[in-house]
Amino acid sequence: MTLAEFRDSTRHAEPPAGVTPALVALWHDAREDWERAHQVAQDIDTTEGAWIHAYLHRKEGDLANAGYWYRRAGKPEFKGSLDAEWTSIATAMLGT
């Protein structure tokens, strides 16, 4: 699946079949459902899950908590726009 296809899928009521939980979290976030995205991210006990968790707390404005999750993910704190970070994470998760 390409990034464009993934973004386009957010127009549908359900995430695409067969995508990873990390992509499901990003999908919910793209649909402006932060709570559901966070709920999914909390259950992903990997560095990828920590990266998404960091992004979500940055979006929420909880920068201290975001910093904790960036460290758990082994990623530097992102300094660009939220959209650029979402795109960066989604691209990495899609492997494109």
C-alpha atoms as a PDB file:
ATOM      1  CA  MET A   1       0.000   0.000   0.000  1.00  0.00           C
ATOM      2  CA  THR A   2       1.312   3.438  -0.854  1.00  0.00           C
ATOM      3  CA  LEU A   3       1.141   6.464   1.385  1.00  0.00           C
ATOM      4  CA  ALA A   4      -1.443   8.026  -0.943  1.00  0.00           C
ATOM      5  CA  GLU A   5      -3.607   4.892  -0.768  1.00  0.00           C
ATOM      6  CA  PHE A   6      -3.298   4.826   3.008  1.00  0.00           C
ATOM      7  CA  ARG A   7      -4.281   8.492   3.298  1.00  0.00           C
ATOM      8  CA  ASP A   8      -7.194   7.880   0.925  1.00  0.00           C
ATOM      9  CA  SER A   9      -8.380   4.966   3.089  1.00  0.00           C
ATOM     10  CA  THR A  10      -9.201   7.403   5.889  1.00  0.00           C
ATOM     11  CA  ARG A  11     -12.314   8.375   3.934  1.00  0.00           C
ATOM     12  CA  HIS A  12     -13.764   4.952   4.746  1.00  0.00           C
ATOM     13  CA  ALA A  13     -15.463   3.889   7.971  1.00  0.00           C
ATOM     14  CA  GLU A  14     -12.900   1.209   8.841  1.00  0.00           C
ATOM     15  CA  PRO A  15      -9.129   0.927   8.475  1.00  0.00           C
ATOM     16  CA  PRO A  16      -7.848  -1.173   5.585  1.00  0.00           C
ATOM     17  CA  ALA A  17      -7.893  -4.905   6.208  1.00  0.00           C
ATOM     18  CA  GLY A  18      -4.605  -6.470   7.145  1.00  0.00           C
ATOM     19  CA  VAL A  19      -2.721  -3.335   8.203  1.00  0.00           C
ATOM     20  CA  THR A  20      -0.580  -3.405  11.322  1.00  0.00           C
ATOM     21  CA  PRO A  21      -1.773  -1.998  14.643  1.00  0.00           C
ATOM     22  CA  ALA A  22       0.710   0.868  14.169  1.00  0.00           C
ATOM     23  CA  LEU A  23      -1.022   1.843  10.948  1.00  0.00           C
ATOM     24  CA  VAL A  24      -4.424   1.444  12.589  1.00  0.00           C
ATOM     25  CA  ALA A  25      -3.355   3.985  15.238  1.00  0.00           C
ATOM     26  CA  LEU A  26      -2.189   6.411  12.562  1.00  0.00           C
ATOM     27  CA  TRP A  27      -5.386   5.816  10.593  1.00  0.00           C
ATOM     28  CA  HIS A  28      -7.533   6.796  13.593  1.00  0.00           C
ATOM     29  CA  ASP A  29      -5.376   9.856  14.202  1.00  0.00           C
ATOM     30  CA  ALA A  30      -5.782  10.953  10.582  1.00  0.00           C
ATOM     31  CA  ARG A  31      -9.547  10.733  11.120  1.00  0.00           C
ATOM     32  CA  GLU A  32      -9.212  13.099  14.102  1.00  0.00           C
ATOM     33  CA  ASP A  33      -9.905  10.348  16.651  1.00  0.00           C
ATOM     34  CA  TRP A  34      -6.987  10.974  19.010  1.00  0.00           C
ATOM     35  CA  GLU A  35      -8.505   8.892  21.809  1.00  0.00           C
ATOM     36  CA  ARG A  36      -8.862   5.770  19.660  1.00  0.00           C
ATOM     37  CA  ALA A  37      -5.402   6.301  18.146  1.00  0.00           C
ATOM     38  CA  HIS A  38      -3.920   6.570  21.632  1.00  0.00           C
ATOM     39  CA  GLN A  39      -5.802   3.502  22.818  1.00  0.00           C
ATOM     40  CA  VAL A  40      -4.387   1.438  19.941  1.00  0.00           C
ATOM     41  CA  ALA A  41      -0.860   2.856  20.393  1.00  0.00           C
ATOM     42  CA  GLN A  42      -0.847   1.969  24.099  1.00  0.00           C
ATOM     43  CA  ASP A  43      -1.166  -1.700  23.191  1.00  0.00           C
ATOM     44  CA  ILE A  44       1.823  -1.695  20.793  1.00  0.00           C
ATOM     45  CA  ASP A  45       4.828  -2.652  22.924  1.00  0.00           C
ATOM     46  CA  THR A  46       7.513  -1.941  20.312  1.00  0.00           C
ATOM     47  CA  THR A  47       9.727   0.982  19.362  1.00  0.00           C
ATOM     48  CA  GLU A  48       7.250   1.704  16.554  1.00  0.00           C
ATOM     49  CA  GLY A  49       4.442   1.927  19.095  1.00  0.00           C
ATOM     50  CA  ALA A  50       6.551   4.232  21.256  1.00  0.00           C
ATOM     51  CA  TRP A  51       7.206   6.474  18.241  1.00  0.00           C
ATOM     52  CA  ILE A  52       3.489   6.784  17.524  1.00  0.00           C
ATOM     53  CA  HIS A  53       2.816   7.322  21.213  1.00  0.00           C
ATOM     54  CA  ALA A  54       5.388  10.162  21.217  1.00  0.00           C
ATOM     55  CA  TYR A  55       3.768  11.788  18.200  1.00  0.00           C
ATOM     56  CA  LEU A  56       0.307  11.554  19.774  1.00  0.00           C
ATOM     57  CA  HIS A  57       1.449  13.180  23.020  1.00  0.00           C
ATOM     58  CA  ARG A  58       3.241  15.888  21.044  1.00  0.00           C
ATOM     59  CA  LYS A  59      -0.010  16.504  19.179  1.00  0.00           C
ATOM     60  CA  GLU A  60      -1.852  16.640  22.484  1.00  0.00           C
ATOM     61  CA  GLY A  61       0.614  19.253  23.705  1.00  0.00           C
ATOM     62  CA  ASP A  62       2.083  17.063  26.467  1.00  0.00           C
ATOM     63  CA  LEU A  63       5.708  17.601  25.477  1.00  0.00           C
ATOM     64  CA  ALA A  64       7.225  16.060  28.621  1.00  0.00           C
ATOM     65  CA  ASN A  65       5.338  12.826  28.042  1.00  0.00           C
ATOM     66  CA  ALA A  66       6.170  12.978  24.337  1.00  0.00           C
ATOM     67  CA  GLY A  67       9.858  13.284  25.238  1.00  0.00           C
ATOM     68  CA  TYR A  68       9.646  10.128  27.328  1.00  0.00           C
ATOM     69  CA  TRP A  69       8.138   8.218  24.425  1.00  0.00           C
ATOM     70  CA  TYR A  70      10.661   9.570  21.905  1.00  0.00           C
ATOM     71  CA  ARG A  71      13.417   8.259  24.173  1.00  0.00           C
ATOM     72  CA  ARG A  72      11.704   4.850  24.391  1.00  0.00           C
ATOM     73  CA  ALA A  73      11.447   4.824  20.597  1.00  0.00           C
ATOM     74  CA  GLY A  74      15.094   5.795  20.193  1.00  0.00           C
ATOM     75  CA  LYS A  75      14.021   8.774  18.086  1.00  0.00           C
ATOM     76  CA  PRO A  76      14.929  12.445  18.400  1.00  0.00           C
ATOM     77  CA  GLU A  77      12.103  14.805  19.282  1.00  0.00           C
ATOM     78  CA  PHE A  78      10.524  15.877  16.009  1.00  0.00           C
ATOM     79  CA  LYS A  79      10.776  19.590  15.309  1.00  0.00           C
ATOM     80  CA  GLY A  80       8.689  19.865  12.125  1.00  0.00           C
ATOM     81  CA  SER A  81       4.940  20.063  11.665  1.00  0.00           C
ATOM     82  CA  LEU A  82       2.590  17.413  12.995  1.00  0.00           C
ATOM     83  CA  ASP A  83       1.601  16.542   9.428  1.00  0.00           C
ATOM     84  CA  ALA A  84       5.247  16.060   8.468  1.00  0.00           C
ATOM     85  CA  GLU A  85       5.778  13.790  11.450  1.00  0.00           C
ATOM     86  CA  TRP A  86       2.632  11.760  10.712  1.00  0.00           C
ATOM     87  CA  THR A  87       3.844  11.370   7.120  1.00  0.00           C
ATOM     88  CA  SER A  88       7.303  10.314   8.276  1.00  0.00           C
ATOM     89  CA  ILE A  89       5.900   7.690  10.632  1.00  0.00           C
ATOM     90  CA  ALA A  90       3.349   6.393   8.148  1.00  0.00           C
ATOM     91  CA  THR A  91       5.998   6.130   5.424  1.00  0.00           C
ATOM     92  CA  ALA A  92       8.241   4.146   7.754  1.00  0.00           C
ATOM     93  CA  MET A  93       5.401   1.854   8.841  1.00  0.00           C
ATOM     94  CA  LEU A  94       4.335   1.251   5.242  1.00  0.00           C
ATOM     95  CA  GLY A  95       7.917   0.464   4.274  1.00  0.00           C
ATOM     96  CA  THR A  96       7.769   2.851   1.316  1.00  0.00           C
END
